Amino acid sequence: MLTVLLLAGLAGRQASADNSPPLALSLDQAITRGLETNLNAVVARSRVDEAEGTRERRLAGYLPHLRIETPFAWQTRNLRAQGISLPNSPAVVGPFTSYDFRIYGEQSILDLQSYHAIKAAEHEKKARLADYTDARGEVIRLVTVRYLDAAYAEARVATARSRVQTSEALEKLARDQRAAGVADGLDVLRAQVQLANDRQTLLVTRNNAQLALLALARSVGVDLGTPITLADQLSFKPLDPPQIEQGIEAALQSRPDYRSLFAQRASLEEQAKASRSRYLPKIVVSGNYGTSGQEMSNLDPTGMLQVNMVLNLFDYDRKGERLELASRLERNARQLADLKLGVEQDIRAALLNLTSATDQVATAREGAQLAERELQYAGDRFRNGIANNIEVVTAQDALSRARDNELNALAQHAEAKIALARALGDTEKVYRLFLGIE
């Protein structure tokens, strides 16, 4: 019974999804949705808030602390236990009551450890902000790739559908040629086999297109049951890339992952200063003021103001803290050096891929044009009885490969442009320019 109910529920959900209107999604809209809903960006934003909370908490240690206490006591006291012995007086006095209404205050005047801890938290927040910017750039790249994958898959469906239509026409031509006595049964069979293969390819490409749309929907936070139509198709939009030296220099200034490491290093340096400051004295001003007495109707004001110097004489934990911070600083230095090389590698690789993809687009388009002419020429030869349809089938395969090469080159060109934007930094500021989004 439970299985039946589950199947019925799934069928109802599928029917609802089939009846829901499709969502038309452009590349720019997909990126905007991804930036708002993608988990990586949301988690990075929460870490910024967490770092701000840490900064506020450390800052609170350097701000005034105030509290109110209102104790009411009913008590007895042992005078002898406190060193008081009076003749003809009992050792224990009381019971008696006491009232006290008092406000207490405390303010750190000099606390270098807390000061440097606050500065470390500020730099840590800068690092988390840079990480957030980097995460948004990665989301832009991810959504762009997902969108291009879906557009490529849909374009392949259109190509496969066109090939099926061509195969249907050629299969009919083969049957007509056989009826006219120009072709034999092998030509008809060969055309039918080709048509069956093309229909199979169409089924596979349709499924791949649906899978690509499913991945895109998840990356942009769209309900997976909502049908999506792509408003933008694969197209060639040239880009004039920067010079390598200029790109590297710009990236080292703007790459958020690189800036994050520098902010982390500044935070570690402040933490090291805070660790050294544990050897230094702290000066704290504290006091209280209130009224006290044994009767509510007879309370007298009292108070106190004091300056206190605190100096830790022995704290073995400081040695372990120094070793920990020194190790983290060394690791950070190595990460900076490695990422500097990585920045240059990313830019060089993106420029190489962009140049190659640009050349591939031109070559693939030329190849597609030639393959179309080949298919037309082979079809005319078969139609006029000059040759059998082996040439037609071969030409169909060549045209299919040429069109797929063109689509693949267009997708690679767009991916190379977004990879270059990502390598240069500031992805969110330049992706529209790089991708040619109006």
Protein backbone atom coordinates (compact mmCIF):
# COMPACT_ATOMS: atom_id res chain seq x y z
CA MET A 1 0.00 0.00 0.00
CA LEU A 2 2.82 2.37 0.91
CA THR A 3 4.57 1.65 -2.38
CA VAL A 4 1.38 2.46 -4.27
CA LEU A 5 0.99 5.75 -2.43
CA LEU A 6 4.62 6.71 -3.11
CA LEU A 7 4.26 5.91 -6.81
CA ALA A 8 1.04 7.89 -6.95
CA GLY A 9 2.73 10.85 -5.27
CA LEU A 10 5.67 10.73 -7.66
CA ALA A 11 3.32 10.51 -10.62
CA GLY A 12 1.35 13.49 -9.34
CA ARG A 13 4.52 15.51 -8.88
CA GLN A 14 5.71 14.59 -12.35
CA ALA A 15 2.34 15.60 -13.82
CA SER A 16 2.52 18.91 -11.96
CA ALA A 17 6.04 19.49 -13.27
CA ASP A 18 4.93 18.68 -16.81
CA ASN A 19 2.06 21.18 -16.53
CA SER A 20 4.18 23.99 -15.02
CA PRO A 21 5.19 26.73 -17.43
CA PRO A 22 8.81 26.63 -18.60
CA LEU A 23 11.28 29.10 -17.15
CA ALA A 24 13.08 31.12 -19.81
CA LEU A 25 16.58 31.69 -18.53
CA SER A 26 19.32 33.81 -20.06
CA LEU A 27 22.96 33.41 -19.10
CA ASP A 28 22.93 36.67 -17.15
CA GLN A 29 19.77 35.65 -15.28
CA ALA A 30 21.28 32.27 -14.47
CA ILE A 31 24.40 33.89 -13.03
CA THR A 32 22.31 36.33 -10.97
CA ARG A 33 20.25 33.46 -9.57
CA GLY A 34 23.38 31.46 -8.84
CA LEU A 35 24.95 34.31 -6.89
CA GLU A 36 21.82 34.55 -4.74
CA THR A 37 21.20 30.88 -4.05
CA ASN A 38 24.33 28.81 -4.67
CA LEU A 39 25.48 27.08 -1.50
CA ASN A 40 29.16 28.01 -1.89
CA ALA A 41 28.33 31.73 -1.99
CA VAL A 42 25.88 31.44 0.91
CA VAL A 43 28.41 29.58 3.08
CA ALA A 44 31.14 32.12 2.26
CA ARG A 45 28.78 34.95 3.26
CA SER A 46 28.05 33.23 6.58
CA ARG A 47 31.80 33.04 7.27
CA VAL A 48 32.03 36.80 6.84
CA ASP A 49 29.28 37.21 9.45
CA GLU A 50 31.09 34.73 11.70
CA ALA A 51 34.33 36.75 11.42
CA GLU A 52 32.42 39.93 12.27
CA GLY A 53 31.00 38.19 15.33
CA THR A 54 34.51 37.21 16.41
CA ARG A 55 35.69 40.81 16.00
CA GLU A 56 32.76 42.13 18.05
CA ARG A 57 33.40 39.57 20.76
CA ARG A 58 37.08 40.48 21.04
CA LEU A 59 36.27 44.18 20.97
CA ALA A 60 33.90 43.66 23.88
CA GLY A 61 36.86 42.67 26.04
CA TYR A 62 38.30 46.18 25.64
CA LEU A 63 35.05 48.05 26.28
CA PRO A 64 33.61 49.01 29.71
CA HIS A 65 31.89 46.26 31.67
CA LEU A 66 29.01 47.31 33.93
CA ARG A 67 26.77 45.23 36.14
CA ILE A 68 24.31 45.72 38.99
CA GLU A 69 24.14 43.53 42.08
CA THR A 70 21.45 43.73 44.74
CA PRO A 71 22.20 41.08 47.37
CA PHE A 72 19.88 40.61 50.35
CA ALA A 73 21.50 38.55 53.12
CA TRP A 74 20.31 36.92 56.35
CA GLN A 75 23.41 35.70 58.10
CA THR A 76 25.39 34.90 61.22
CA ARG A 77 29.13 35.45 61.68
CA ASN A 78 31.82 33.66 63.66
CA LEU A 79 33.97 36.48 65.00
CA ARG A 80 36.66 34.21 66.42
CA ALA A 81 37.14 32.57 63.00
CA GLN A 82 37.98 36.03 61.71
CA GLY A 83 40.43 36.76 64.53
CA ILE A 84 38.06 38.90 66.62
CA SER A 85 37.69 38.02 70.30
CA LEU A 86 35.79 40.38 72.63
CA PRO A 87 35.34 39.80 76.37
CA ASN A 88 31.88 38.79 77.48
CA SER A 89 30.80 38.45 73.83
CA PRO A 90 29.63 35.36 72.03
CA ALA A 91 31.77 33.90 69.32
CA VAL A 92 28.86 33.85 66.85
CA VAL A 93 26.81 36.99 66.32
CA GLY A 94 23.54 37.31 64.51
CA PRO A 95 21.37 36.50 62.82
CA PHE A 96 21.08 39.87 61.13
CA THR A 97 20.01 41.13 57.74
CA SER A 98 21.85 43.32 55.25
CA TYR A 99 20.84 45.09 52.04
CA ASP A 100 23.16 46.24 49.28
CA PHE A 101 22.30 47.95 46.00
CA ARG A 102 25.43 48.50 43.94
CA ILE A 103 26.70 49.11 40.41
CA TYR A 104 30.09 47.70 39.42
CA GLY A 105 32.27 48.91 36.56
CA GLU A 106 35.53 47.82 34.98
CA GLN A 107 37.58 49.30 32.14
CA SER A 108 40.85 48.12 30.63
CA ILE A 109 43.24 51.05 30.26
CA LEU A 110 46.22 49.13 28.89
CA ASP A 111 45.80 45.64 27.41
CA LEU A 112 48.01 45.13 24.38
CA GLN A 113 47.08 41.47 24.11
CA SER A 114 43.41 42.34 23.61
CA TYR A 115 44.32 45.21 21.27
CA HIS A 116 46.31 42.99 18.91
CA ALA A 117 43.64 40.27 19.13
CA ILE A 118 41.10 42.84 17.91
CA LYS A 119 43.38 43.86 15.03
CA ALA A 120 43.85 40.18 14.13
CA ALA A 121 40.08 39.71 14.01
CA GLU A 122 39.75 42.73 11.69
CA HIS A 123 42.28 41.26 9.26
CA GLU A 124 40.56 37.88 9.50
CA LYS A 125 37.30 39.52 8.47
CA LYS A 126 39.08 41.06 5.45
CA ALA A 127 40.28 37.58 4.53
CA ARG A 128 36.75 36.19 4.79
CA LEU A 129 35.44 39.04 2.63
CA ALA A 130 38.07 38.21 0.01
CA ASP A 131 37.06 34.54 0.25
CA TYR A 132 33.44 35.57 -0.28
CA THR A 133 34.39 37.54 -3.39
CA ASP A 134 36.39 34.55 -4.61
CA ALA A 135 33.44 32.23 -3.96
CA ARG A 136 31.13 34.49 -5.98
CA GLY A 137 33.64 34.44 -8.84
CA GLU A 138 33.72 30.65 -8.71
CA VAL A 139 29.91 30.56 -8.75
CA ILE A 140 29.92 32.75 -11.87
CA ARG A 141 32.36 30.37 -13.56
CA LEU A 142 30.40 27.29 -12.46
CA VAL A 143 27.02 28.63 -13.62
CA THR A 144 28.53 29.80 -16.92
CA VAL A 145 30.01 26.35 -17.58
CA ARG A 146 26.72 24.67 -16.65
CA TYR A 147 24.81 27.00 -18.96
CA LEU A 148 27.26 26.43 -21.81
CA ASP A 149 27.04 22.67 -21.27
CA ALA A 150 23.26 22.87 -21.51
CA ALA A 151 23.40 25.12 -24.59
CA TYR A 152 25.91 22.76 -26.23
CA ALA A 153 23.72 19.76 -25.41
CA GLU A 154 20.61 21.45 -26.84
CA ALA A 155 22.50 22.46 -29.97
CA ARG A 156 23.57 18.84 -30.42
CA VAL A 157 19.91 17.84 -30.16
CA ALA A 158 19.06 20.27 -32.96
CA THR A 159 21.93 18.86 -35.03
CA ALA A 160 20.82 15.28 -34.37
CA ARG A 161 17.23 16.15 -35.27
CA SER A 162 18.38 17.76 -38.52
CA ARG A 163 20.43 14.67 -39.32
CA VAL A 164 17.38 12.44 -38.74
CA GLN A 165 15.38 14.58 -41.13
CA THR A 166 18.15 14.32 -43.73
CA SER A 167 18.35 10.55 -43.23
CA GLU A 168 14.59 10.23 -43.64
CA ALA A 169 14.76 12.15 -46.88
CA LEU A 170 17.67 10.03 -48.14
CA GLU A 171 15.95 6.80 -47.08
CA LYS A 172 12.89 7.85 -49.09
CA LEU A 173 15.15 8.76 -52.00
CA ALA A 174 16.78 5.31 -51.84
CA ARG A 175 13.36 3.62 -51.95
CA ASP A 176 12.33 5.84 -54.87
CA GLN A 177 15.61 5.08 -56.66
CA ARG A 178 15.06 1.37 -56.14
CA ALA A 179 11.51 1.62 -57.48
CA ALA A 180 12.91 3.42 -60.54
CA GLY A 181 15.53 0.68 -60.99
CA VAL A 182 18.45 3.04 -60.35
CA ALA A 183 19.39 1.69 -56.90
CA ASP A 184 19.34 -1.79 -55.43
CA GLY A 185 18.10 -3.19 -52.13
CA LEU A 186 21.49 -2.72 -50.46
CA ASP A 187 21.23 1.05 -50.92
CA VAL A 188 17.80 1.02 -49.24
CA LEU A 189 19.05 -1.15 -46.40
CA ARG A 190 22.09 1.06 -45.92
CA ALA A 191 19.87 4.15 -45.75
CA GLN A 192 17.57 2.47 -43.24
CA VAL A 193 20.49 1.47 -41.01
CA GLN A 194 21.77 5.04 -41.12
CA LEU A 195 18.30 6.36 -40.22
CA ALA A 196 18.05 3.97 -37.27
CA ASN A 197 21.49 5.01 -36.01
CA ASP A 198 20.60 8.69 -36.31
CA ARG A 199 17.35 8.18 -34.40
CA GLN A 200 19.31 6.42 -31.66
CA THR A 201 21.76 9.31 -31.52
CA LEU A 202 18.85 11.75 -31.21
CA LEU A 203 17.48 9.85 -28.18
CA VAL A 204 20.90 9.93 -26.49
CA THR A 205 21.43 13.64 -27.14
CA ARG A 206 17.95 14.47 -25.83
CA ASN A 207 18.67 12.66 -22.59
CA ASN A 208 22.06 14.37 -22.26
CA ALA A 209 20.37 17.74 -22.79
CA GLN A 210 17.90 17.02 -19.98
CA LEU A 211 20.75 15.99 -17.67
CA ALA A 212 22.60 19.21 -18.48
CA LEU A 213 19.49 21.27 -17.71
CA LEU A 214 19.11 19.38 -14.43
CA ALA A 215 22.67 20.29 -13.41
CA LEU A 216 22.05 23.90 -14.40
CA ALA A 217 18.83 24.05 -12.38
CA ARG A 218 20.57 22.86 -9.23
CA SER A 219 23.47 25.30 -9.63
CA VAL A 220 21.09 28.29 -9.84
CA GLY A 221 18.59 27.21 -7.19
CA VAL A 222 15.66 26.43 -9.51
CA ASP A 223 13.23 23.68 -8.52
CA LEU A 224 14.42 20.54 -10.28
CA GLY A 225 10.90 19.85 -11.56
CA THR A 226 10.66 23.20 -13.34
CA PRO A 227 11.28 22.95 -17.10
CA ILE A 228 13.94 25.39 -18.33
CA THR A 229 14.36 26.94 -21.75
CA LEU A 230 17.62 28.65 -22.62
CA ALA A 231 17.25 32.19 -23.92
CA ASP A 232 20.88 32.38 -25.10
CA GLN A 233 22.44 30.02 -27.62
CA LEU A 234 26.05 29.29 -28.46
CA SER A 235 27.53 32.07 -30.54
CA PHE A 236 30.95 33.50 -31.31
CA LYS A 237 31.74 36.80 -29.60
CA PRO A 238 35.41 37.71 -30.04
CA LEU A 239 37.46 39.15 -27.20
CA ASP A 240 40.71 41.08 -27.32
CA PRO A 241 42.76 39.52 -24.50
CA PRO A 242 45.22 41.55 -22.40
CA GLN A 243 48.97 41.13 -22.62
CA ILE A 244 50.34 38.43 -20.33
CA GLU A 245 52.50 40.81 -18.26
CA GLN A 246 49.63 43.26 -17.78
CA GLY A 247 47.26 40.45 -16.89
CA ILE A 248 49.61 39.00 -14.29
CA GLU A 249 50.21 42.39 -12.69
CA ALA A 250 46.47 43.12 -12.54
CA ALA A 251 45.69 39.69 -11.16
CA LEU A 252 48.22 39.97 -8.33
CA GLN A 253 46.49 43.17 -7.26
CA SER A 254 42.88 42.05 -7.63
CA ARG A 255 42.74 38.25 -7.23
CA PRO A 256 40.61 37.72 -4.08
CA ASP A 257 42.28 34.41 -3.19
CA TYR A 258 45.69 36.14 -3.29
CA ARG A 259 44.42 39.08 -1.20
CA SER A 260 42.88 36.64 1.26
CA LEU A 261 46.27 35.07 1.95
CA PHE A 262 47.80 38.50 2.61
CA ALA A 263 44.97 39.36 5.00
CA GLN A 264 45.48 36.02 6.76
CA ARG A 265 49.19 36.79 7.09
CA ALA A 266 48.41 40.20 8.61
CA SER A 267 46.04 38.49 11.06
CA LEU A 268 48.73 35.96 12.04
CA GLU A 269 51.26 38.76 12.59
CA GLU A 270 48.80 40.51 14.93
CA GLN A 271 48.21 37.24 16.74
CA ALA A 272 51.99 36.90 17.20
CA LYS A 273 52.08 40.41 18.68
CA ALA A 274 49.20 39.48 20.98
CA SER A 275 51.14 36.41 22.09
CA ARG A 276 54.22 38.50 22.92
CA SER A 277 52.01 40.99 24.77
CA ARG A 278 51.10 38.29 27.26
CA TYR A 279 54.44 39.12 28.93
CA LEU A 280 53.42 42.77 29.41
CA PRO A 281 51.38 44.20 32.29
CA LYS A 282 47.69 45.02 32.01
CA ILE A 283 46.18 48.03 33.74
CA VAL A 284 42.53 47.89 34.69
CA VAL A 285 40.40 50.53 36.42
CA SER A 286 37.47 49.19 38.40
CA GLY A 287 35.08 50.44 41.00
CA ASN A 288 31.64 50.29 42.50
CA TYR A 289 29.09 52.59 44.05
CA GLY A 290 25.86 51.90 45.90
CA THR A 291 24.03 51.91 49.20
CA SER A 292 24.04 49.33 51.95
CA GLY A 293 22.67 48.84 55.44
CA GLN A 294 20.70 46.58 57.71
CA GLU A 295 17.38 48.28 57.12
CA MET A 296 15.76 49.41 53.90
CA SER A 297 14.89 52.75 55.52
CA ASN A 298 18.46 53.43 56.57
CA LEU A 299 20.90 52.78 53.70
CA ASP A 300 24.20 54.62 53.48
CA PRO A 301 26.15 55.29 50.25
CA THR A 302 29.51 53.56 49.86
CA GLY A 303 31.89 53.02 46.96
CA MET A 304 35.36 52.19 45.80
CA LEU A 305 37.68 53.12 42.92
CA GLN A 306 40.87 51.20 42.25
CA VAL A 307 43.59 50.83 39.63
CA ASN A 308 44.92 47.32 39.25
CA MET A 309 48.03 46.12 37.41
CA VAL A 310 48.04 42.47 36.33
CA LEU A 311 51.25 40.74 35.30
CA ASN A 312 51.52 37.05 34.47
CA LEU A 313 54.77 35.67 35.84
CA PHE A 314 54.59 32.13 34.52
CA ASP A 315 52.46 30.74 31.69
CA TYR A 316 53.95 27.77 29.84
CA ASP A 317 51.18 27.90 27.22
CA ARG A 318 52.93 30.86 25.58
CA LYS A 319 55.66 28.62 24.18
CA GLY A 320 53.18 26.37 22.40
CA GLU A 321 51.32 29.38 21.05
CA ARG A 322 54.52 30.84 19.58
CA LEU A 323 55.37 27.55 17.88
CA GLU A 324 51.85 27.29 16.46
CA LEU A 325 51.86 30.83 15.05
CA ALA A 326 55.37 30.47 13.61
CA SER A 327 54.29 27.32 11.79
CA ARG A 328 51.16 29.00 10.41
CA LEU A 329 53.18 31.99 9.21
CA GLU A 330 55.63 29.70 7.43
CA ARG A 331 52.77 27.83 5.77
CA ASN A 332 51.17 31.09 4.71
CA ALA A 333 54.44 32.29 3.13
CA ARG A 334 54.72 29.09 1.10
CA GLN A 335 51.09 29.36 0.03
CA LEU A 336 51.65 32.93 -1.16
CA ALA A 337 54.69 31.92 -3.19
CA ASP A 338 52.87 28.98 -4.74
CA LEU A 339 49.73 30.96 -5.53
CA LYS A 340 51.81 33.67 -7.21
CA LEU A 341 53.04 31.02 -9.64
CA GLY A 342 49.50 29.66 -9.88
CA VAL A 343 48.15 33.07 -10.90
CA GLU A 344 50.62 33.27 -13.76
CA GLN A 345 49.86 29.70 -14.78
CA ASP A 346 46.09 30.35 -14.76
CA ILE A 347 46.44 33.43 -16.95
CA ARG A 348 48.83 31.81 -19.41
CA ALA A 349 46.61 28.72 -19.66
CA ALA A 350 43.47 30.81 -20.16
CA LEU A 351 45.13 32.88 -22.89
CA LEU A 352 46.39 29.76 -24.65
CA ASN A 353 42.93 28.18 -24.49
CA LEU A 354 41.30 31.38 -25.74
CA THR A 355 43.66 31.64 -28.72
CA SER A 356 43.24 27.97 -29.53
CA ALA A 357 39.44 28.11 -29.23
CA THR A 358 39.30 31.19 -31.48
CA ASP A 359 41.29 29.36 -34.16
CA GLN A 360 39.16 26.24 -33.68
CA VAL A 361 35.94 28.19 -34.27
CA ALA A 362 37.23 29.53 -37.60
CA THR A 363 38.53 26.13 -38.67
CA ALA A 364 35.38 24.29 -37.59
CA ARG A 365 33.11 26.72 -39.43
CA GLU A 366 35.13 26.25 -42.58
CA GLY A 367 34.98 22.48 -42.12
CA ALA A 368 31.19 22.59 -41.63
CA GLN A 369 30.73 24.56 -44.83
CA LEU A 370 32.87 22.09 -46.76
CA ALA A 371 31.00 19.12 -45.25
CA GLU A 372 27.65 20.62 -46.27
CA ARG A 373 28.90 20.97 -49.83
CA GLU A 374 30.19 17.39 -49.75
CA LEU A 375 26.80 16.05 -48.62
CA GLN A 376 25.00 18.05 -51.27
CA TYR A 377 27.40 16.81 -53.96
CA ALA A 378 27.13 13.17 -52.80
CA GLY A 379 23.34 13.42 -52.70
CA ASP A 380 23.23 14.77 -56.24
CA ARG A 381 25.49 11.93 -57.47
CA PHE A 382 23.26 9.32 -55.82
CA ARG A 383 20.10 11.03 -57.07
CA ASN A 384 21.43 10.96 -60.65
CA GLY A 385 22.48 7.32 -60.38
CA ILE A 386 26.19 8.07 -60.76
CA ALA A 387 27.13 6.48 -57.37
CA ASN A 388 25.55 4.44 -54.59
CA ASN A 389 24.67 5.95 -51.23
CA ILE A 390 27.92 4.97 -49.51
CA GLU A 391 29.19 8.42 -50.43
CA VAL A 392 26.03 9.94 -48.93
CA VAL A 393 26.42 8.09 -45.64
CA THR A 394 30.09 9.04 -45.46
CA ALA A 395 29.23 12.67 -46.17
CA GLN A 396 26.54 12.60 -43.45
CA ASP A 397 29.09 11.38 -40.91
CA ALA A 398 31.55 14.06 -41.97
CA LEU A 399 28.92 16.80 -41.66
CA SER A 400 27.87 15.54 -38.23
CA ARG A 401 31.47 15.64 -36.99
CA ALA A 402 32.02 19.08 -38.49
CA ARG A 403 28.93 20.55 -36.83
CA ASP A 404 29.83 18.98 -33.51
CA ASN A 405 33.35 20.39 -33.85
CA GLU A 406 31.89 23.83 -34.43
CA LEU A 407 29.58 23.61 -31.41
CA ASN A 408 32.40 22.30 -29.24
CA ALA A 409 34.70 25.12 -30.37
CA LEU A 410 32.05 27.74 -29.57
CA ALA A 411 31.55 26.29 -26.09
CA GLN A 412 35.31 26.09 -25.47
CA HIS A 413 35.73 29.70 -26.61
CA ALA A 414 33.11 30.93 -24.12
CA GLU A 415 34.59 28.77 -21.34
CA ALA A 416 38.07 30.14 -22.08
CA LYS A 417 36.75 33.70 -21.75
CA ILE A 418 35.16 33.08 -18.36
CA ALA A 419 38.30 31.21 -17.25
CA LEU A 420 40.37 34.25 -18.21
CA ALA A 421 38.03 36.55 -16.28
CA ARG A 422 38.36 34.24 -13.29
CA ALA A 423 42.16 34.15 -13.57
CA LEU A 424 42.41 37.94 -13.71
CA GLY A 425 40.30 38.43 -10.54
CA ASP A 426 37.24 40.74 -10.19
CA THR A 427 35.13 38.17 -12.05
CA GLU A 428 31.87 39.79 -11.00
CA LYS A 429 32.90 43.13 -12.50
CA VAL A 430 34.08 41.91 -15.90
CA TYR A 431 32.15 38.74 -16.74
CA ARG A 432 29.50 40.60 -18.76
CA LEU A 433 32.19 42.27 -20.84
CA PHE A 434 34.12 39.04 -21.34
CA LEU A 435 31.04 37.00 -22.26
CA GLY A 436 29.56 39.71 -24.46
CA ILE A 437 26.38 40.04 -22.35
CA GLU A 438 24.46 43.17 -23.30
